[in-house]
Protein backbone atom coordinates (compact mmCIF):
# COMPACT_ATOMS: atom_id res chain seq x y z
CA MET A 1 -0.01 0.02 0.01
CA GLN A 2 1.30 3.44 -0.89
CA ILE A 3 0.64 6.65 0.88
CA THR A 4 0.87 10.04 -0.82
CA ARG A 5 2.47 12.73 1.23
CA LYS A 6 2.52 16.40 0.21
CA ILE A 7 5.21 18.79 1.38
CA LYS A 8 6.09 22.37 0.58
CA GLY A 9 9.16 23.00 -1.51
CA THR A 10 10.73 25.09 1.27
CA GLU A 11 10.56 22.13 3.65
CA VAL A 12 13.19 20.39 1.46
CA GLN A 13 16.63 21.46 2.66
CA ASN A 14 18.60 19.50 0.11
CA LEU A 15 18.16 17.25 -2.94
CA LEU A 16 20.55 14.38 -2.70
CA THR A 17 21.52 11.76 -5.25
CA LYS A 18 22.67 8.28 -4.46
CA PHE A 19 24.69 6.57 -7.20
CA TYR A 20 24.90 2.82 -7.18
CA TYR A 21 25.28 -0.14 -9.46
CA LYS A 22 22.47 -2.69 -9.91
CA GLU A 23 23.32 -5.68 -12.11
CA ASN A 24 26.33 -3.84 -13.61
CA ARG A 25 24.20 -0.88 -14.49
CA LEU A 26 24.66 2.62 -13.04
CA CYS A 27 21.48 3.81 -11.18
CA PHE A 28 20.45 7.04 -9.59
CA GLN A 29 18.15 7.60 -6.61
CA ILE A 30 16.86 11.05 -5.59
CA LEU A 31 16.52 11.63 -1.90
CA LEU A 32 14.77 14.59 -0.27
CA HIS A 33 16.53 15.75 2.92
CA LEU A 34 13.91 17.49 5.14
CA GLY A 35 15.86 18.00 8.31
CA LEU A 36 18.07 16.45 10.88
CA ASP A 37 16.27 13.18 11.18
CA GLU A 38 14.34 12.84 7.91
CA THR A 39 15.58 11.88 4.47
CA ILE A 40 12.96 10.44 2.14
CA PRO A 41 13.65 8.34 -0.98
CA PHE A 42 11.86 10.02 -3.94
CA GLN A 43 12.47 8.02 -7.04
CA GLU A 44 15.04 5.63 -8.66
CA PHE A 45 16.37 5.76 -12.24
CA SER A 46 18.59 3.72 -14.53
CA ASP A 47 18.42 6.29 -17.27
CA TYR A 48 20.42 9.52 -16.71
CA SER A 49 18.30 11.79 -18.87
CA SER A 50 15.12 10.80 -17.00
CA TYR A 51 16.87 11.32 -13.69
CA LYS A 52 18.16 14.76 -14.73
CA LYS A 53 14.69 15.84 -15.88
CA VAL A 54 13.02 14.86 -12.64
CA TYR A 55 15.85 16.38 -10.56
CA SER A 56 15.51 19.74 -12.38
CA ASN A 57 11.73 19.70 -11.91
CA LEU A 58 12.19 18.99 -8.17
CA LEU A 59 14.74 21.81 -7.87
CA ASP A 60 12.23 24.20 -9.48
CA GLN A 61 9.47 23.05 -7.11
CA LYS A 62 11.82 23.51 -4.12
CA ASN A 63 12.84 27.01 -5.20
CA SER A 64 9.24 28.17 -5.99
CA ASN A 65 7.82 26.57 -2.81
CA ALA A 66 5.41 24.45 -4.83
CA LEU A 67 3.83 21.33 -3.38
CA ILE A 68 5.83 18.10 -3.95
CA GLU A 69 3.92 14.79 -3.76
CA ILE A 70 5.85 11.85 -2.44
CA LYS A 71 4.60 8.30 -2.68
CA GLU A 72 5.71 6.36 0.36
CA LYS A 73 5.23 2.70 1.12
CA SER A 74 3.16 2.19 4.33
CA ARG A 75 5.03 0.80 7.30
CA GLN A 76 3.27 -2.00 9.05
CA ILE A 77 3.95 -2.43 12.71
CA SER A 78 2.81 -5.66 14.28
CA PHE A 79 2.46 -6.21 17.98
CA SER A 80 2.37 -9.65 19.51
CA SER A 81 0.97 -10.17 22.89
CA VAL A 82 2.46 -12.57 25.42
CA ILE A 83 0.00 -14.56 27.40
């Protein structure tokens, strides 16, 4: 299940990029750094031009204080009771 979260562009302190190899292919992941304790994965790419286009759009949204929609996976917490 995915949850959509909306944040203002000014809440994003930094746009970060994680570079890594997956099956011998260079990949790019955009991370949104919101503060001391919160960095959110935004999107992953294996194509540089797609990555660069989304990164530029995010930078424009950040600078213009536009709303940014982030799709996050829900986190399930299970509690087990001891009898």
